[in-house]
Structures are given as structure tokens and as C-alpha cells.
PDB file of N, CA and C in Angstrom:
ATOM      1  N   MET A   1       0.851  -1.162   0.000  1.00  0.00           N
ATOM      2  CA  MET A   1       0.000   0.000   0.000  1.00  0.00           C
ATOM      3  C   MET A   1       0.905   1.234   0.000  1.00  0.00           C
ATOM      4  N   ARG A   2       0.534   2.225  -0.767  1.00  0.00           N
ATOM      5  CA  ARG A   2       1.289   3.481  -0.840  1.00  0.00           C
ATOM      6  C   ARG A   2       0.442   4.605  -0.270  1.00  0.00           C
ATOM      7  N   ARG A   3       1.092   5.466   0.511  1.00  0.00           N
ATOM      8  CA  ARG A   3       0.394   6.617   1.091  1.00  0.00           C
ATOM      9  C   ARG A   3       1.244   7.868   0.907  1.00  0.00           C
ATOM     10  N   GLY A   4       0.660   8.918   0.395  1.00  0.00           N
ATOM     11  CA  GLY A   4       1.329  10.203   0.302  1.00  0.00           C
ATOM     12  C   GLY A   4       1.122  10.952   1.611  1.00  0.00           C
ATOM     13  N   CYS A   5       2.223  11.457   2.192  1.00  0.00           N
ATOM     14  CA  CYS A   5       2.155  12.086   3.515  1.00  0.00           C
ATOM     15  C   CYS A   5       2.882  13.430   3.512  1.00  0.00           C
ATOM     16  N   ILE A   6       2.675  14.194   4.570  1.00  0.00           N
ATOM     17  CA  ILE A   6       3.378  15.449   4.795  1.00  0.00           C
ATOM     18  C   ILE A   6       4.200  15.293   6.064  1.00  0.00           C
ATOM     19  N   SER A   7       5.483  15.611   5.975  1.00  0.00           N
ATOM     20  CA  SER A   7       6.403  15.416   7.092  1.00  0.00           C
ATOM     21  C   SER A   7       6.149  16.415   8.215  1.00  0.00           C
ATOM     22  N   LEU A   8       6.339  15.947   9.431  1.00  0.00           N
ATOM     23  CA  LEU A   8       6.314  16.822  10.596  1.00  0.00           C
ATOM     24  C   LEU A   8       7.723  17.183  11.028  1.00  0.00           C
ATOM     25  N   GLY A   9       8.732  16.716  10.263  1.00  0.00           N
ATOM     26  CA  GLY A   9      10.113  17.083  10.511  1.00  0.00           C
ATOM     27  C   GLY A   9      10.957  16.007  11.157  1.00  0.00           C
ATOM     28  N   ASN A  10      10.393  14.878  11.480  1.00  0.00           N
ATOM     29  CA  ASN A  10      11.158  13.824  12.149  1.00  0.00           C
ATOM     30  C   ASN A  10      11.245  12.562  11.288  1.00  0.00           C
ATOM     31  N   ILE A  11      11.275  12.706   9.971  1.00  0.00           N
ATOM     32  CA  ILE A  11      11.261  11.591   9.034  1.00  0.00           C
ATOM     33  C   ILE A  11      12.548  11.618   8.208  1.00  0.00           C
ATOM     34  N   ASN A  12      13.112  10.434   7.934  1.00  0.00           N
ATOM     35  CA  ASN A  12      14.275  10.309   7.056  1.00  0.00           C
ATOM     36  C   ASN A  12      13.928   9.416   5.886  1.00  0.00           C
ATOM     37  N   CYS A  13      14.492   9.729   4.717  1.00  0.00           N
ATOM     38  CA  CYS A  13      14.298   8.924   3.524  1.00  0.00           C
ATOM     39  C   CYS A  13      15.106   7.637   3.661  1.00  0.00           C
ATOM     40  N   ASP A  14      14.504   6.504   3.352  1.00  0.00           N
ATOM     41  CA  ASP A  14      15.196   5.222   3.450  1.00  0.00           C
ATOM     42  C   ASP A  14      16.162   4.985   2.292  1.00  0.00           C
ATOM     43  N   LYS A  15      16.036   5.721   1.212  1.00  0.00           N
ATOM     44  CA  LYS A  15      16.924   5.526   0.066  1.00  0.00           C
ATOM     45  C   LYS A  15      18.157   6.430   0.141  1.00  0.00           C
ATOM     46  N   CYS A  16      17.955   7.744   0.269  1.00  0.00           N
ATOM     47  CA  CYS A  16      19.091   8.681   0.284  1.00  0.00           C
ATOM     48  C   CYS A  16      19.480   9.116   1.697  1.00  0.00           C
ATOM     49  N   HIS A  17      18.696   8.752   2.689  1.00  0.00           N
ATOM     50  CA  HIS A  17      18.957   8.991   4.114  1.00  0.00           C
ATOM     51  C   HIS A  17      18.974  10.466   4.519  1.00  0.00           C
ATOM     52  N   ARG A  18      18.396  11.337   3.708  1.00  0.00           N
ATOM     53  CA  ARG A  18      18.327  12.748   4.122  1.00  0.00           C
ATOM     54  C   ARG A  18      17.060  12.972   4.938  1.00  0.00           C
ATOM     55  N   GLN A  19      17.098  13.992   5.786  1.00  0.00           N
ATOM     56  CA  GLN A  19      15.939  14.306   6.610  1.00  0.00           C
ATOM     57  C   GLN A  19      14.888  15.014   5.761  1.00  0.00           C
ATOM     58  N   ILE A  20      13.638  14.590   5.905  1.00  0.00           N
ATOM     59  CA  ILE A  20      12.515  15.201   5.206  1.00  0.00           C
ATOM     60  C   ILE A  20      11.900  16.216   6.171  1.00  0.00           C
ATOM     61  N   LEU A  21      12.087  17.484   5.880  1.00  0.00           N
ATOM     62  CA  LEU A  21      11.673  18.563   6.779  1.00  0.00           C
ATOM     63  C   LEU A  21      10.205  18.915   6.608  1.00  0.00           C
ATOM     64  N   TYR A  22       9.626  19.551   7.607  1.00  0.00           N
ATOM     65  CA  TYR A  22       8.259  20.062   7.542  1.00  0.00           C
ATOM     66  C   TYR A  22       8.235  21.205   6.549  1.00  0.00           C
ATOM     67  N   PRO A  23       7.318  21.339   5.685  1.00  0.00           N
ATOM     68  CA  PRO A  23       6.144  20.562   5.314  1.00  0.00           C
ATOM     69  C   PRO A  23       6.347  19.792   4.018  1.00  0.00           C
ATOM     70  N   GLU A  24       7.514  19.194   3.820  1.00  0.00           N
ATOM     71  CA  GLU A  24       7.773  18.441   2.592  1.00  0.00           C
ATOM     72  C   GLU A  24       6.881  17.209   2.497  1.00  0.00           C
ATOM     73  N   ARG A  25       6.612  16.799   1.270  1.00  0.00           N
ATOM     74  CA  ARG A  25       5.804  15.602   1.029  1.00  0.00           C
ATOM     75  C   ARG A  25       6.718  14.397   0.900  1.00  0.00           C
ATOM     76  N   TYR A  26       6.218  13.235   1.302  1.00  0.00           N
ATOM     77  CA  TYR A  26       6.961  11.995   1.142  1.00  0.00           C
ATOM     78  C   TYR A  26       5.992  10.852   0.891  1.00  0.00           C
ATOM     79  N   LEU A  27       6.534   9.725   0.428  1.00  0.00           N
ATOM     80  CA  LEU A  27       5.721   8.555   0.128  1.00  0.00           C
ATOM     81  C   LEU A  27       6.062   7.456   1.119  1.00  0.00           C
ATOM     82  N   PHE A  28       5.034   6.882   1.735  1.00  0.00           N
ATOM     83  CA  PHE A  28       5.181   5.758   2.652  1.00  0.00           C
ATOM     84  C   PHE A  28       4.708   4.517   1.919  1.00  0.00           C
ATOM     85  N   VAL A  29       5.616   3.543   1.727  1.00  0.00           N
ATOM     86  CA  VAL A  29       5.303   2.325   0.993  1.00  0.00           C
ATOM     87  C   VAL A  29       5.335   1.150   1.957  1.00  0.00           C
ATOM     88  N   GLU A  30       4.196   0.481   2.111  1.00  0.00           N
ATOM     89  CA  GLU A  30       4.106  -0.684   2.986  1.00  0.00           C
ATOM     90  C   GLU A  30       3.922  -1.922   2.118  1.00  0.00           C
ATOM     91  N   GLU A  31       4.817  -2.889   2.264  1.00  0.00           N
ATOM     92  CA  GLU A  31       4.775  -4.097   1.461  1.00  0.00           C
ATOM     93  C   GLU A  31       4.024  -5.197   2.200  1.00  0.00           C
ATOM     94  N   ALA A  32       3.686  -6.254   1.492  1.00  0.00           N
ATOM     95  CA  ALA A  32       2.882  -7.347   2.050  1.00  0.00           C
ATOM     96  C   ALA A  32       3.589  -8.082   3.184  1.00  0.00           C
ATOM     97  N   GLN A  33       4.923  -8.121   3.177  1.00  0.00           N
ATOM     98  CA  GLN A  33       5.666  -8.838   4.206  1.00  0.00           C
ATOM     99  C   GLN A  33       5.792  -8.038   5.505  1.00  0.00           C
ATOM    100  N   GLY A  34       5.164  -6.890   5.580  1.00  0.00           N
ATOM    101  CA  GLY A  34       5.231  -6.056   6.773  1.00  0.00           C
ATOM    102  C   GLY A  34       6.365  -5.057   6.751  1.00  0.00           C
ATOM    103  N   LYS A  35       7.171  -5.064   5.693  1.00  0.00           N
ATOM    104  CA  LYS A  35       8.263  -4.107   5.565  1.00  0.00           C
ATOM    105  C   LYS A  35       7.699  -2.779   5.086  1.00  0.00           C
ATOM    106  N   ALA A  36       8.314  -1.704   5.548  1.00  0.00           N
ATOM    107  CA  ALA A  36       7.859  -0.371   5.152  1.00  0.00           C
ATOM    108  C   ALA A  36       9.047   0.482   4.742  1.00  0.00           C
ATOM    109  N   GLN A  37       8.847   1.360   3.761  1.00  0.00           N
ATOM    110  CA  GLN A  37       9.874   2.276   3.307  1.00  0.00           C
ATOM    111  C   GLN A  37       9.294   3.676   3.222  1.00  0.00           C
ATOM    112  N   THR A  38      10.146   4.645   3.485  1.00  0.00           N
ATOM    113  CA  THR A  38       9.796   6.054   3.365  1.00  0.00           C
ATOM    114  C   THR A  38      10.675   6.640   2.274  1.00  0.00           C
ATOM    115  N   ARG A  39      10.075   7.332   1.315  1.00  0.00           N
ATOM    116  CA  ARG A  39      10.816   7.919   0.196  1.00  0.00           C
ATOM    117  C   ARG A  39      10.536   9.409   0.091  1.00  0.00           C
ATOM    118  N   CYS A  40      11.597  10.212  -0.063  1.00  0.00           N
ATOM    119  CA  CYS A  40      11.426  11.650  -0.270  1.00  0.00           C
ATOM    120  C   CYS A  40      10.958  11.898  -1.703  1.00  0.00           C
ATOM    121  N   MET A  41      10.549  13.098  -1.991  1.00  0.00           N
ATOM    122  CA  MET A  41      10.032  13.445  -3.310  1.00  0.00           C
ATOM    123  C   MET A  41      11.098  13.267  -4.388  1.00  0.00           C
ATOM    124  N   ASP A  42      12.360  13.611  -4.089  1.00  0.00           N
ATOM    125  CA  ASP A  42      13.424  13.474  -5.077  1.00  0.00           C
ATOM    126  C   ASP A  42      13.645  12.008  -5.464  1.00  0.00           C
ATOM    127  N   CYS A  43      13.661  11.116  -4.480  1.00  0.00           N
ATOM    128  CA  CYS A  43      13.841   9.687  -4.759  1.00  0.00           C
ATOM    129  C   CYS A  43      12.632   9.118  -5.492  1.00  0.00           C
ATOM    130  N   CYS A  44      11.448   9.611  -5.188  1.00  0.00           N
ATOM    131  CA  CYS A  44      10.250   9.168  -5.901  1.00  0.00           C
ATOM    132  C   CYS A  44      10.309   9.570  -7.368  1.00  0.00           C
ATOM    133  N   LYS A  45      10.839  10.770  -7.641  1.00  0.00           N
ATOM    134  CA  LYS A  45      10.984  11.212  -9.032  1.00  0.00           C
ATOM    135  C   LYS A  45      11.982  10.335  -9.766  1.00  0.00           C
ATOM    136  N   GLU A  46      13.093   9.970  -9.116  1.00  0.00           N
ATOM    137  CA  GLU A  46      14.098   9.112  -9.738  1.00  0.00           C
ATOM    138  C   GLU A  46      13.537   7.731 -10.065  1.00  0.00           C
ATOM    139  N   ASP A  47      12.690   7.201  -9.181  1.00  0.00           N
ATOM    140  CA  ASP A  47      12.144   5.858  -9.338  1.00  0.00           C
ATOM    141  C   ASP A  47      10.848   5.815 -10.148  1.00  0.00           C
ATOM    142  N   GLY A  48      10.358   6.975 -10.597  1.00  0.00           N
ATOM    143  CA  GLY A  48       9.138   7.014 -11.396  1.00  0.00           C
ATOM    144  C   GLY A  48       7.874   6.791 -10.590  1.00  0.00           C
ATOM    145  N   LEU A  49       7.888   7.158  -9.310  1.00  0.00           N
ATOM    146  CA  LEU A  49       6.720   6.970  -8.452  1.00  0.00           C
ATOM    147  C   LEU A  49       5.846   8.214  -8.365  1.00  0.00           C
ATOM    148  N   VAL A  50       6.096   9.186  -9.243  1.00  0.00           N
ATOM    149  CA  VAL A  50       5.265  10.388  -9.284  1.00  0.00           C
ATOM    150  C   VAL A  50       4.758  10.590 -10.703  1.00  0.00           C
ATOM    151  N   LYS A  51       3.676  11.331 -10.818  1.00  0.00           N
ATOM    152  CA  LYS A  51       3.147  11.689 -12.133  1.00  0.00           C
ATOM    153  C   LYS A  51       2.920  13.185 -12.155  1.00  0.00           C
ATOM    154  N   THR A  52       3.026  13.770 -13.327  1.00  0.00           N
ATOM    155  CA  THR A  52       2.856  15.211 -13.450  1.00  0.00           C
ATOM    156  C   THR A  52       1.403  15.542 -13.731  1.00  0.00           C
ATOM    157  N   GLY A  53       1.045  16.765 -13.420  1.00  0.00           N
ATOM    158  CA  GLY A  53      -0.316  17.221 -13.668  1.00  0.00           C
ATOM    159  C   GLY A  53      -1.227  16.977 -12.494  1.00  0.00           C
ATOM    160  N   SER A  54      -2.411  17.546 -12.578  1.00  0.00           N
ATOM    161  CA  SER A  54      -3.352  17.419 -11.480  1.00  0.00           C
ATOM    162  C   SER A  54      -4.757  17.703 -11.961  1.00  0.00           C
ATOM    163  N   GLU A  55      -5.700  17.071 -11.316  1.00  0.00           N
ATOM    164  CA  GLU A  55      -7.094  17.388 -11.589  1.00  0.00           C
ATOM    165  C   GLU A  55      -7.508  18.650 -10.840  1.00  0.00           C
ATOM    166  N   LYS A  56      -6.739  19.036  -9.844  1.00  0.00           N
ATOM    167  CA  LYS A  56      -7.103  20.172  -9.004  1.00  0.00           C
ATOM    168  C   LYS A  56      -6.480  21.481  -9.470  1.00  0.00           C
ATOM    169  N   GLY A  57      -5.596  21.428 -10.460  1.00  0.00           N
ATOM    170  CA  GLY A  57      -5.093  22.648 -11.049  1.00  0.00           C
ATOM    171  C   GLY A  57      -3.762  23.144 -10.527  1.00  0.00           C
ATOM    172  N   LYS A  58      -3.618  23.406  -9.237  1.00  0.00           N
ATOM    173  CA  LYS A  58      -2.422  24.064  -8.726  1.00  0.00           C
ATOM    174  C   LYS A  58      -1.284  23.108  -8.401  1.00  0.00           C
ATOM    175  N   ILE A  59      -1.556  21.852  -8.154  1.00  0.00           N
ATOM    176  CA  ILE A  59      -0.527  20.897  -7.787  1.00  0.00           C
ATOM    177  C   ILE A  59       0.173  20.409  -9.047  1.00  0.00           C
ATOM    178  N   GLU A  60       1.521  20.516  -9.076  1.00  0.00           N
ATOM    179  CA  GLU A  60       2.279  20.148 -10.261  1.00  0.00           C
ATOM    180  C   GLU A  60       2.655  18.672 -10.285  1.00  0.00           C
ATOM    181  N   THR A  61       2.864  18.066  -9.108  1.00  0.00           N
ATOM    182  CA  THR A  61       3.333  16.688  -9.035  1.00  0.00           C
ATOM    183  C   THR A  61       2.493  15.902  -8.052  1.00  0.00           C
ATOM    184  N   LEU A  62       2.070  14.713  -8.460  1.00  0.00           N
ATOM    185  CA  LEU A  62       1.290  13.835  -7.600  1.00  0.00           C
ATOM    186  C   LEU A  62       2.005  12.486  -7.451  1.00  0.00           C
ATOM    187  N   PHE A  63       1.853  11.854  -6.307  1.00  0.00           N
ATOM    188  CA  PHE A  63       2.387  10.510  -6.124  1.00  0.00           C
ATOM    189  C   PHE A  63       1.529   9.528  -6.904  1.00  0.00           C
ATOM    190  N   ASP A  64       2.171   8.523  -7.475  1.00  0.00           N
ATOM    191  CA  ASP A  64       1.452   7.441  -8.148  1.00  0.00           C
ATOM    192  C   ASP A  64       1.127   6.404  -7.097  1.00  0.00           C
ATOM    193  N   LEU A  65      -0.096   6.367  -6.602  1.00  0.00           N
ATOM    194  CA  LEU A  65      -0.487   5.498  -5.509  1.00  0.00           C
ATOM    195  C   LEU A  65      -1.017   4.153  -5.986  1.00  0.00           C
ATOM    196  N   ALA A  66      -0.966   3.898  -7.275  1.00  0.00           N
ATOM    197  CA  ALA A  66      -1.424   2.616  -7.798  1.00  0.00           C
ATOM    198  C   ALA A  66      -0.490   1.500  -7.352  1.00  0.00           C
ATOM    199  N   SER A  67      -1.060   0.364  -7.004  1.00  0.00           N
ATOM    200  CA  SER A  67      -0.256  -0.782  -6.592  1.00  0.00           C
ATOM    201  C   SER A  67       0.503  -1.327  -7.796  1.00  0.00           C
ATOM    202  N   GLU A  68       1.659  -1.915  -7.494  1.00  0.00           N
ATOM    203  CA  GLU A  68       2.490  -2.455  -8.574  1.00  0.00           C
ATOM    204  C   GLU A  68       1.944  -3.732  -9.111  1.00  0.00           C
TER     205      GLU A  68
END
């Protein structure tokens, strides 16, 4: 399951290990085996986990929350 979240400032990216500061967006990925990963927006862009455009107009980038 994938969830798009907003950091409260105490989150680190599991891929690049940088701190995700408030109010940055991040992706929380929970796998079937109970493992979980946190990805910053930059790592999500590198891995193709975001899509451009929005139905709401002002948001430029959205997380791709579709299951693999």
C-alpha cells in the first residue's frame, strides 16, 4: 500500500537517508511482508513513483499510488 504524507520534521528517507523537513511531502510504501519504506520526493521522481499534472489545477506533481 502506498500513502502520500506530509512530514512533521522527524522523518528520514530510506533511500538517500536525508531528513525530510516540515512541510515536505513523502511517500510511505508498505509491502505485504510487513516491511515499510519512506521515500522523499526526489527519490520518488528518480524511481518514477510520481506523475505530473493534477485534476485540481495548482498541484504540479502527484504521487502514483497505484499498486504495482
